[in-house]
Amino acid sequence: GEELENLRANPELAIQTWTAKESLQKAMRLGMNFNPRKIEFPIGVKKLNFSIENSNFQLVSWTHKDSHISLTWGEGIGYDSVPEDELLEQTRFAMKSSSDWGVGCKTTRNNS
């Protein structure tokens, strides 16, 4: 399609396009469950506001020390907690409420 033709004509933009699409997939919380071929935006654009799947997103891409970075975020998309979050919160509470709490292990060696 048109995107493939543009990338063949501008191969230096392939990594930027890939990181931008992957960033959007993660912002949508779908990962590879959302087909990257469904993501269409102008190749080579470093800042973009766009809508997809009834959601609005902002994309910013840049290069830092030969690494290409893309960041996408959408308004109103919050954090879904996972079961481990409750365990971490209980651990944090235990650590704050007891001075006996420590991290690490104690070993005893008998060097005889």
Protein backbone atom coordinates (compact mmCIF):
# COMPACT_ATOMS: atom_id res chain seq x y z
CA GLY A 1 0.00 0.00 0.00
CA GLU A 2 0.89 3.66 0.21
CA GLU A 3 2.66 3.33 3.57
CA LEU A 4 4.94 0.59 2.26
CA GLU A 5 5.77 2.66 -0.81
CA ASN A 6 6.61 5.66 1.41
CA LEU A 7 8.84 3.53 3.65
CA ARG A 8 10.64 2.04 0.65
CA ALA A 9 11.27 5.56 -0.61
CA ASN A 10 12.34 6.73 2.88
CA PRO A 11 13.88 3.71 4.68
CA GLU A 12 15.42 5.98 7.32
CA LEU A 13 11.87 6.58 8.64
CA ALA A 14 11.07 2.89 9.21
CA ILE A 15 12.21 2.84 12.86
CA GLN A 16 10.35 6.08 13.62
CA THR A 17 7.18 4.66 12.08
CA TRP A 18 7.54 1.37 13.94
CA THR A 19 8.14 3.01 17.35
CA ALA A 20 5.22 5.40 16.78
CA LYS A 21 2.85 2.54 15.98
CA GLU A 22 4.07 0.45 18.91
CA SER A 23 3.67 3.45 21.21
CA LEU A 24 0.06 3.86 20.09
CA GLN A 25 -0.68 0.14 20.55
CA LYS A 26 0.57 0.38 24.14
CA ALA A 27 -1.32 3.62 24.82
CA MET A 28 -4.48 1.87 23.62
CA ARG A 29 -3.64 -0.99 26.03
CA LEU A 30 -3.99 -3.49 23.24
CA GLY A 31 -0.42 -4.23 22.20
CA MET A 32 -0.24 -6.54 19.20
CA ASN A 33 -3.94 -7.34 19.65
CA PHE A 34 -4.44 -4.16 17.63
CA ASN A 35 -3.18 -4.68 14.10
CA PRO A 36 -0.48 -2.07 13.30
CA ARG A 37 -1.75 -2.00 9.71
CA LYS A 38 -4.88 -0.26 11.04
CA ILE A 39 -2.72 2.61 12.32
CA GLU A 40 -2.41 5.25 9.63
CA PHE A 41 -0.67 8.56 10.10
CA PRO A 42 1.76 10.60 8.00
CA ILE A 43 5.22 9.08 7.88
CA GLY A 44 7.94 11.35 9.24
CA VAL A 45 5.66 13.55 11.38
CA LYS A 46 7.17 14.12 14.83
CA LYS A 47 4.08 15.57 16.58
CA LEU A 48 0.53 14.55 15.87
CA ASN A 49 -2.96 14.69 17.38
CA PHE A 50 -5.27 12.03 15.99
CA SER A 51 -8.29 9.82 16.66
CA ILE A 52 -8.52 6.06 16.35
CA GLU A 53 -11.15 3.61 17.62
CA ASN A 54 -13.22 6.50 19.10
CA SER A 55 -10.30 7.71 21.24
CA ASN A 56 -8.10 10.79 20.91
CA PHE A 57 -4.32 10.53 21.19
CA GLN A 58 -1.24 12.70 21.04
CA LEU A 59 2.02 11.37 19.61
CA VAL A 60 5.49 12.85 19.98
CA SER A 61 8.58 11.25 18.42
CA TRP A 62 12.22 12.26 18.74
CA THR A 63 15.77 10.97 18.44
CA HIS A 64 18.19 11.02 21.36
CA LYS A 65 21.78 9.81 20.95
CA ASP A 66 20.96 7.61 17.95
CA SER A 67 17.89 6.09 19.66
CA HIS A 68 14.43 6.79 18.35
CA ILE A 69 11.69 7.33 20.95
CA SER A 70 7.93 7.69 20.53
CA LEU A 71 5.47 8.60 23.25
CA THR A 72 1.70 8.40 22.86
CA TRP A 73 -0.94 9.29 25.40
CA GLY A 74 -4.68 9.60 25.43
CA GLU A 75 -6.87 11.78 27.62
CA GLY A 76 -8.82 9.96 30.31
CA ILE A 77 -7.02 6.67 29.95
CA GLY A 78 -6.16 5.70 33.52
CA TYR A 79 -4.31 2.88 35.20
CA ASP A 80 -5.87 -0.55 35.65
CA SER A 81 -4.57 -2.11 38.83
CA VAL A 82 -3.39 -5.70 38.91
CA PRO A 83 -3.46 -8.14 41.87
CA GLU A 84 0.22 -7.50 42.59
CA ASP A 85 -0.59 -3.86 43.35
CA GLU A 86 -2.49 -4.87 46.51
CA LEU A 87 0.44 -7.01 47.66
CA LEU A 88 2.86 -4.15 47.06
CA GLU A 89 0.61 -1.75 48.98
CA GLN A 90 0.39 -4.16 51.94
CA THR A 91 4.18 -4.56 51.91
CA ARG A 92 4.68 -0.80 51.83
CA PHE A 93 2.29 -0.39 54.77
CA ALA A 94 4.11 -3.10 56.77
CA MET A 95 7.48 -1.49 56.10
CA LYS A 96 6.26 1.94 57.25
CA SER A 97 4.51 0.67 60.38
CA SER A 98 7.31 -1.45 61.84
CA SER A 99 10.87 -0.47 62.63
CA ASP A 100 11.79 -4.18 62.66
CA TRP A 101 11.09 -4.51 58.97
CA GLY A 102 14.20 -5.21 56.93
CA VAL A 103 15.24 -6.28 53.50
CA GLY A 104 17.80 -8.96 52.85
CA CYS A 105 18.76 -12.18 54.54
CA LYS A 106 20.76 -13.15 57.58
CA THR A 107 23.23 -15.98 57.33
CA THR A 108 25.33 -17.62 59.96
CA ARG A 109 28.56 -19.32 59.09
CA ASN A 110 30.33 -21.67 61.35
CA ASN A 111 33.94 -21.53 60.21
CA SER A 112 35.35 -24.35 62.26
